[in-house]
Amino acid sequence: MKFDLGFAGFALSFIVATSGWFFRWSDKQKFEKQQASFERQQAIQEAKAASAQAVNDERNFKHLLGNQKQIS
């Protein structure tokens, strides 16, 4: 039985290419999870800011109504 260098080279290159594809795919999955988490956090922060602004606007409006009642 002879050692076939062509087959050994092919097998080695196939293993390296397959492992490279696997690691690239796993990194892509990890990046997509991190990106989704970042987008969720950003959306939550924007919602908090909008909610705080709405509360402030309502409070200011109530103050204006109270002032108008006092004036009249």
PDB file of N, CA and C in Angstrom:
ATOM      1  N   MET A   1       0.836  -1.166   0.000  1.00  0.00           N
ATOM      2  CA  MET A   1       0.000   0.000   0.000  1.00  0.00           C
ATOM      3  C   MET A   1       0.892   1.244   0.000  1.00  0.00           C
ATOM      4  N   LYS A   2       0.737   2.063  -0.996  1.00  0.00           N
ATOM      5  CA  LYS A   2       1.547   3.266  -1.137  1.00  0.00           C
ATOM      6  C   LYS A   2       0.844   4.451  -0.482  1.00  0.00           C
ATOM      7  N   PHE A   3       1.637   5.382   0.000  1.00  0.00           N
ATOM      8  CA  PHE A   3       1.105   6.624   0.562  1.00  0.00           C
ATOM      9  C   PHE A   3       0.886   7.593  -0.589  1.00  0.00           C
ATOM     10  N   ASP A   4      -0.361   7.994  -0.774  1.00  0.00           N
ATOM     11  CA  ASP A   4      -0.702   8.878  -1.887  1.00  0.00           C
ATOM     12  C   ASP A   4      -0.677  10.332  -1.405  1.00  0.00           C
ATOM     13  N   LEU A   5       0.301  11.081  -1.883  1.00  0.00           N
ATOM     14  CA  LEU A   5       0.459  12.468  -1.468  1.00  0.00           C
ATOM     15  C   LEU A   5      -0.659  13.355  -1.992  1.00  0.00           C
ATOM     16  N   GLY A   6      -1.169  13.064  -3.145  1.00  0.00           N
ATOM     17  CA  GLY A   6      -2.260  13.867  -3.707  1.00  0.00           C
ATOM     18  C   GLY A   6      -3.504  13.772  -2.843  1.00  0.00           C
ATOM     19  N   PHE A   7      -3.831  12.561  -2.429  1.00  0.00           N
ATOM     20  CA  PHE A   7      -5.011  12.368  -1.582  1.00  0.00           C
ATOM     21  C   PHE A   7      -4.804  13.000  -0.211  1.00  0.00           C
ATOM     22  N   ALA A   8      -3.597  12.856   0.347  1.00  0.00           N
ATOM     23  CA  ALA A   8      -3.307  13.448   1.652  1.00  0.00           C
ATOM     24  C   ALA A   8      -3.429  14.979   1.588  1.00  0.00           C
ATOM     25  N   GLY A   9      -2.936  15.581   0.531  1.00  0.00           N
ATOM     26  CA  GLY A   9      -3.045  17.026   0.362  1.00  0.00           C
ATOM     27  C   GLY A   9      -4.493  17.458   0.228  1.00  0.00           C
ATOM     28  N   PHE A  10      -5.251  16.686  -0.546  1.00  0.00           N
ATOM     29  CA  PHE A  10      -6.673  17.003  -0.701  1.00  0.00           C
ATOM     30  C   PHE A  10      -7.403  16.888   0.629  1.00  0.00           C
ATOM     31  N   ALA A  11      -7.138  15.812   1.373  1.00  0.00           N
ATOM     32  CA  ALA A  11      -7.808  15.614   2.658  1.00  0.00           C
ATOM     33  C   ALA A  11      -7.458  16.739   3.630  1.00  0.00           C
ATOM     34  N   LEU A  12      -6.191  17.115   3.674  1.00  0.00           N
ATOM     35  CA  LEU A  12      -5.766  18.189   4.562  1.00  0.00           C
ATOM     36  C   LEU A  12      -6.420  19.520   4.174  1.00  0.00           C
ATOM     37  N   SER A  13      -6.425  19.817   2.893  1.00  0.00           N
ATOM     38  CA  SER A  13      -7.036  21.078   2.468  1.00  0.00           C
ATOM     39  C   SER A  13      -8.542  21.072   2.718  1.00  0.00           C
ATOM     40  N   PHE A  14      -9.193  19.941   2.567  1.00  0.00           N
ATOM     41  CA  PHE A  14     -10.626  19.836   2.834  1.00  0.00           C
ATOM     42  C   PHE A  14     -10.911  20.071   4.312  1.00  0.00           C
ATOM     43  N   ILE A  15     -10.101  19.475   5.177  1.00  0.00           N
ATOM     44  CA  ILE A  15     -10.276  19.644   6.625  1.00  0.00           C
ATOM     45  C   ILE A  15     -10.060  21.103   7.023  1.00  0.00           C
ATOM     46  N   VAL A  16      -9.029  21.732   6.490  1.00  0.00           N
ATOM     47  CA  VAL A  16      -8.742  23.127   6.812  1.00  0.00           C
ATOM     48  C   VAL A  16      -9.869  24.032   6.307  1.00  0.00           C
ATOM     49  N   ALA A  17     -10.344  23.793   5.090  1.00  0.00           N
ATOM     50  CA  ALA A  17     -11.416  24.618   4.538  1.00  0.00           C
ATOM     51  C   ALA A  17     -12.702  24.438   5.336  1.00  0.00           C
ATOM     52  N   THR A  18     -13.013  23.206   5.719  1.00  0.00           N
ATOM     53  CA  THR A  18     -14.223  22.939   6.489  1.00  0.00           C
ATOM     54  C   THR A  18     -14.147  23.591   7.863  1.00  0.00           C
ATOM     55  N   SER A  19     -13.012  23.481   8.522  1.00  0.00           N
ATOM     56  CA  SER A  19     -12.886  24.100   9.843  1.00  0.00           C
ATOM     57  C   SER A  19     -12.922  25.618   9.731  1.00  0.00           C
ATOM     58  N   GLY A  20     -12.341  26.182   8.692  1.00  0.00           N
ATOM     59  CA  GLY A  20     -12.408  27.620   8.482  1.00  0.00           C
ATOM     60  C   GLY A  20     -13.840  28.075   8.273  1.00  0.00           C
ATOM     61  N   TRP A  21     -14.589  27.333   7.484  1.00  0.00           N
ATOM     62  CA  TRP A  21     -15.996  27.666   7.257  1.00  0.00           C
ATOM     63  C   TRP A  21     -16.764  27.600   8.573  1.00  0.00           C
ATOM     64  N   PHE A  22     -16.516  26.561   9.373  1.00  0.00           N
ATOM     65  CA  PHE A  22     -17.222  26.411  10.644  1.00  0.00           C
ATOM     66  C   PHE A  22     -16.940  27.576  11.583  1.00  0.00           C
ATOM     67  N   PHE A  23     -15.670  27.964  11.711  1.00  0.00           N
ATOM     68  CA  PHE A  23     -15.334  29.072  12.612  1.00  0.00           C
ATOM     69  C   PHE A  23     -15.888  30.392  12.103  1.00  0.00           C
ATOM     70  N   ARG A  24     -15.889  30.588  10.804  1.00  0.00           N
ATOM     71  CA  ARG A  24     -16.472  31.805  10.223  1.00  0.00           C
ATOM     72  C   ARG A  24     -17.970  31.853  10.510  1.00  0.00           C
ATOM     73  N   TRP A  25     -18.646  30.735  10.350  1.00  0.00           N
ATOM     74  CA  TRP A  25     -20.079  30.653  10.607  1.00  0.00           C
ATOM     75  C   TRP A  25     -20.379  30.911  12.078  1.00  0.00           C
ATOM     76  N   SER A  26     -19.587  30.321  12.982  1.00  0.00           N
ATOM     77  CA  SER A  26     -19.847  30.521  14.414  1.00  0.00           C
ATOM     78  C   SER A  26     -19.590  31.971  14.811  1.00  0.00           C
ATOM     79  N   ASP A  27     -18.571  32.606  14.255  1.00  0.00           N
ATOM     80  CA  ASP A  27     -18.326  34.023  14.539  1.00  0.00           C
ATOM     81  C   ASP A  27     -19.463  34.886  14.014  1.00  0.00           C
ATOM     82  N   LYS A  28     -19.996  34.529  12.850  1.00  0.00           N
ATOM     83  CA  LYS A  28     -21.111  35.283  12.288  1.00  0.00           C
ATOM     84  C   LYS A  28     -22.340  35.174  13.183  1.00  0.00           C
ATOM     85  N   GLN A  29     -22.603  33.984  13.706  1.00  0.00           N
ATOM     86  CA  GLN A  29     -23.737  33.790  14.608  1.00  0.00           C
ATOM     87  C   GLN A  29     -23.559  34.617  15.879  1.00  0.00           C
ATOM     88  N   LYS A  30     -22.359  34.597  16.420  1.00  0.00           N
ATOM     89  CA  LYS A  30     -22.071  35.355  17.643  1.00  0.00           C
ATOM     90  C   LYS A  30     -22.241  36.853  17.391  1.00  0.00           C
ATOM     91  N   PHE A  31     -21.751  37.337  16.246  1.00  0.00           N
ATOM     92  CA  PHE A  31     -21.879  38.747  15.912  1.00  0.00           C
ATOM     93  C   PHE A  31     -23.341  39.140  15.754  1.00  0.00           C
ATOM     94  N   GLU A  32     -24.139  38.290  15.119  1.00  0.00           N
ATOM     95  CA  GLU A  32     -25.555  38.602  14.928  1.00  0.00           C
ATOM     96  C   GLU A  32     -26.291  38.663  16.263  1.00  0.00           C
ATOM     97  N   LYS A  33     -25.942  37.797  17.198  1.00  0.00           N
ATOM     98  CA  LYS A  33     -26.552  37.844  18.533  1.00  0.00           C
ATOM     99  C   LYS A  33     -26.183  39.144  19.244  1.00  0.00           C
ATOM    100  N   GLN A  34     -24.919  39.531  19.164  1.00  0.00           N
ATOM    101  CA  GLN A  34     -24.483  40.765  19.808  1.00  0.00           C
ATOM    102  C   GLN A  34     -25.161  41.972  19.177  1.00  0.00           C
ATOM    103  N   GLN A  35     -25.297  41.947  17.852  1.00  0.00           N
ATOM    104  CA  GLN A  35     -25.933  43.057  17.159  1.00  0.00           C
ATOM    105  C   GLN A  35     -27.404  43.166  17.551  1.00  0.00           C
ATOM    106  N   ALA A  36     -28.088  42.032  17.648  1.00  0.00           N
ATOM    107  CA  ALA A  36     -29.501  42.036  18.041  1.00  0.00           C
ATOM    108  C   ALA A  36     -29.651  42.549  19.473  1.00  0.00           C
ATOM    109  N   SER A  37     -28.753  42.137  20.345  1.00  0.00           N
ATOM    110  CA  SER A  37     -28.792  42.602  21.732  1.00  0.00           C
ATOM    111  C   SER A  37     -28.567  44.110  21.795  1.00  0.00           C
ATOM    112  N   PHE A  38     -27.611  44.598  21.028  1.00  0.00           N
ATOM    113  CA  PHE A  38     -27.338  46.036  20.998  1.00  0.00           C
ATOM    114  C   PHE A  38     -28.555  46.803  20.483  1.00  0.00           C
ATOM    115  N   GLU A  39     -29.200  46.287  19.442  1.00  0.00           N
ATOM    116  CA  GLU A  39     -30.372  46.968  18.891  1.00  0.00           C
ATOM    117  C   GLU A  39     -31.529  46.981  19.890  1.00  0.00           C
ATOM    118  N   ARG A  40     -31.704  45.873  20.638  1.00  0.00           N
ATOM    119  CA  ARG A  40     -32.744  45.842  21.668  1.00  0.00           C
ATOM    120  C   ARG A  40     -32.461  46.873  22.755  1.00  0.00           C
ATOM    121  N   GLN A  41     -31.214  46.939  23.209  1.00  0.00           N
ATOM    122  CA  GLN A  41     -30.849  47.908  24.245  1.00  0.00           C
ATOM    123  C   GLN A  41     -31.055  49.334  23.752  1.00  0.00           C
ATOM    124  N   GLN A  42     -30.709  49.588  22.509  1.00  0.00           N
ATOM    125  CA  GLN A  42     -30.884  50.913  21.949  1.00  0.00           C
ATOM    126  C   GLN A  42     -32.371  51.267  21.864  1.00  0.00           C
ATOM    127  N   ALA A  43     -33.198  50.315  21.462  1.00  0.00           N
ATOM    128  CA  ALA A  43     -34.641  50.567  21.382  1.00  0.00           C
ATOM    129  C   ALA A  43     -35.224  50.837  22.774  1.00  0.00           C
ATOM    130  N   ILE A  44     -34.747  50.108  23.766  1.00  0.00           N
ATOM    131  CA  ILE A  44     -35.216  50.316  25.142  1.00  0.00           C
ATOM    132  C   ILE A  44     -34.828  51.710  25.623  1.00  0.00           C
ATOM    133  N   GLN A  45     -33.593  52.128  25.335  1.00  0.00           N
ATOM    134  CA  GLN A  45     -33.150  53.462  25.746  1.00  0.00           C
ATOM    135  C   GLN A  45     -33.974  54.552  25.073  1.00  0.00           C
ATOM    136  N   GLU A  46     -34.281  54.359  23.785  1.00  0.00           N
ATOM    137  CA  GLU A  46     -35.096  55.340  23.078  1.00  0.00           C
ATOM    138  C   GLU A  46     -36.506  55.392  23.656  1.00  0.00           C
ATOM    139  N   ALA A  47     -37.060  54.229  24.016  1.00  0.00           N
ATOM    140  CA  ALA A  47     -38.402  54.188  24.600  1.00  0.00           C
ATOM    141  C   ALA A  47     -38.415  54.867  25.969  1.00  0.00           C
ATOM    142  N   LYS A  48     -37.362  54.658  26.759  1.00  0.00           N
ATOM    143  CA  LYS A  48     -37.267  55.315  28.067  1.00  0.00           C
ATOM    144  C   LYS A  48     -37.203  56.829  27.900  1.00  0.00           C
ATOM    145  N   ALA A  49     -36.415  57.281  26.942  1.00  0.00           N
ATOM    146  CA  ALA A  49     -36.287  58.720  26.711  1.00  0.00           C
ATOM    147  C   ALA A  49     -37.613  59.312  26.250  1.00  0.00           C
ATOM    148  N   ALA A  50     -38.305  58.608  25.366  1.00  0.00           N
ATOM    149  CA  ALA A  50     -39.611  59.104  24.893  1.00  0.00           C
ATOM    150  C   ALA A  50     -40.625  59.131  26.028  1.00  0.00           C
ATOM    151  N   SER A  51     -40.588  58.123  26.882  1.00  0.00           N
ATOM    152  CA  SER A  51     -41.502  58.075  28.019  1.00  0.00           C
ATOM    153  C   SER A  51     -41.216  59.213  28.991  1.00  0.00           C
ATOM    154  N   ALA A  52     -39.957  59.446  29.266  1.00  0.00           N
ATOM    155  CA  ALA A  52     -39.589  60.536  30.174  1.00  0.00           C
ATOM    156  C   ALA A  52     -40.011  61.877  29.579  1.00  0.00           C
ATOM    157  N   GLN A  53     -39.835  62.039  28.287  1.00  0.00           N
ATOM    158  CA  GLN A  53     -40.241  63.283  27.635  1.00  0.00           C
ATOM    159  C   GLN A  53     -41.752  63.465  27.714  1.00  0.00           C
ATOM    160  N   ALA A  54     -42.506  62.391  27.528  1.00  0.00           N
ATOM    161  CA  ALA A  54     -43.966  62.474  27.607  1.00  0.00           C
ATOM    162  C   ALA A  54     -44.409  62.852  29.019  1.00  0.00           C
ATOM    163  N   VAL A  55     -43.759  62.271  30.016  1.00  0.00           N
ATOM    164  CA  VAL A  55     -44.098  62.607  31.406  1.00  0.00           C
ATOM    165  C   VAL A  55     -43.784  64.072  31.680  1.00  0.00           C
ATOM    166  N   ASN A  56     -42.650  64.540  31.215  1.00  0.00           N
ATOM    167  CA  ASN A  56     -42.283  65.950  31.418  1.00  0.00           C
ATOM    168  C   ASN A  56     -43.253  66.877  30.706  1.00  0.00           C
ATOM    169  N   ASP A  57     -43.640  66.519  29.493  1.00  0.00           N
ATOM    170  CA  ASP A  57     -44.599  67.350  28.756  1.00  0.00           C
ATOM    171  C   ASP A  57     -45.937  67.416  29.485  1.00  0.00           C
ATOM    172  N   GLU A  58     -46.391  66.284  29.994  1.00  0.00           N
ATOM    173  CA  GLU A  58     -47.664  66.255  30.720  1.00  0.00           C
ATOM    174  C   GLU A  58     -47.575  67.098  31.997  1.00  0.00           C
ATOM    175  N   ARG A  59     -46.468  66.980  32.711  1.00  0.00           N
ATOM    176  CA  ARG A  59     -46.278  67.762  33.935  1.00  0.00           C
ATOM    177  C   ARG A  59     -46.265  69.255  33.625  1.00  0.00           C
ATOM    178  N   ASN A  60     -45.558  69.633  32.560  1.00  0.00           N
ATOM    179  CA  ASN A  60     -45.530  71.045  32.171  1.00  0.00           C
ATOM    180  C   ASN A  60     -46.916  71.544  31.785  1.00  0.00           C
ATOM    181  N   PHE A  61     -47.678  70.729  31.084  1.00  0.00           N
ATOM    182  CA  PHE A  61     -49.024  71.119  30.690  1.00  0.00           C
ATOM    183  C   PHE A  61     -49.921  71.315  31.908  1.00  0.00           C
ATOM    184  N   LYS A  62     -49.788  70.415  32.895  1.00  0.00           N
ATOM    185  CA  LYS A  62     -50.590  70.560  34.123  1.00  0.00           C
ATOM    186  C   LYS A  62     -50.211  71.831  34.871  1.00  0.00           C
ATOM    187  N   HIS A  63     -48.921  72.176  34.867  1.00  0.00           N
ATOM    188  CA  HIS A  63     -48.499  73.422  35.503  1.00  0.00           C
ATOM    189  C   HIS A  63     -49.112  74.614  34.779  1.00  0.00           C
ATOM    190  N   LEU A  64     -49.122  74.580  33.457  1.00  0.00           N
ATOM    191  CA  LEU A  64     -49.709  75.674  32.696  1.00  0.00           C
ATOM    192  C   LEU A  64     -51.203  75.791  32.978  1.00  0.00           C
ATOM    193  N   LEU A  65     -51.896  74.667  33.067  1.00  0.00           N
ATOM    194  CA  LEU A  65     -53.331  74.710  33.394  1.00  0.00           C
ATOM    195  C   LEU A  65     -53.545  75.308  34.776  1.00  0.00           C
ATOM    196  N   GLY A  66     -52.747  74.892  35.734  1.00  0.00           N
ATOM    197  CA  GLY A  66     -52.850  75.437  37.095  1.00  0.00           C
ATOM    198  C   GLY A  66     -52.595  76.930  37.121  1.00  0.00           C
ATOM    199  N   ASN A  67     -51.583  77.373  36.354  1.00  0.00           N
ATOM    200  CA  ASN A  67     -51.289  78.803  36.282  1.00  0.00           C
ATOM    201  C   ASN A  67     -52.463  79.572  35.667  1.00  0.00           C
ATOM    202  N   GLN A  68     -53.055  79.029  34.610  1.00  0.00           N
ATOM    203  CA  GLN A  68     -54.189  79.686  33.976  1.00  0.00           C
ATOM    204  C   GLN A  68     -55.385  79.793  34.935  1.00  0.00           C
ATOM    205  N   LYS A  69     -55.595  78.760  35.721  1.00  0.00           N
ATOM    206  CA  LYS A  69     -56.690  78.786  36.707  1.00  0.00           C
ATOM    207  C   LYS A  69     -56.425  79.847  37.772  1.00  0.00           C
ATOM    208  N   GLN A  70     -55.173  79.965  38.205  1.00  0.00           N
ATOM    209  CA  GLN A  70     -54.836  80.967  39.209  1.00  0.00           C
ATOM    210  C   GLN A  70     -55.001  82.386  38.663  1.00  0.00           C
ATOM    211  N   ILE A  71     -54.625  82.573  37.421  1.00  0.00           N
ATOM    212  CA  ILE A  71     -54.728  83.906  36.811  1.00  0.00           C
ATOM    213  C   ILE A  71     -56.196  84.307  36.644  1.00  0.00           C
ATOM    214  N   SER A  72     -57.024  83.360  36.252  1.00  0.00           N
ATOM    215  CA  SER A  72     -58.437  83.697  36.020  1.00  0.00           C
ATOM    216  C   SER A  72     -59.231  83.535  37.284  1.00  0.00           C
TER     217      SER A  72
END
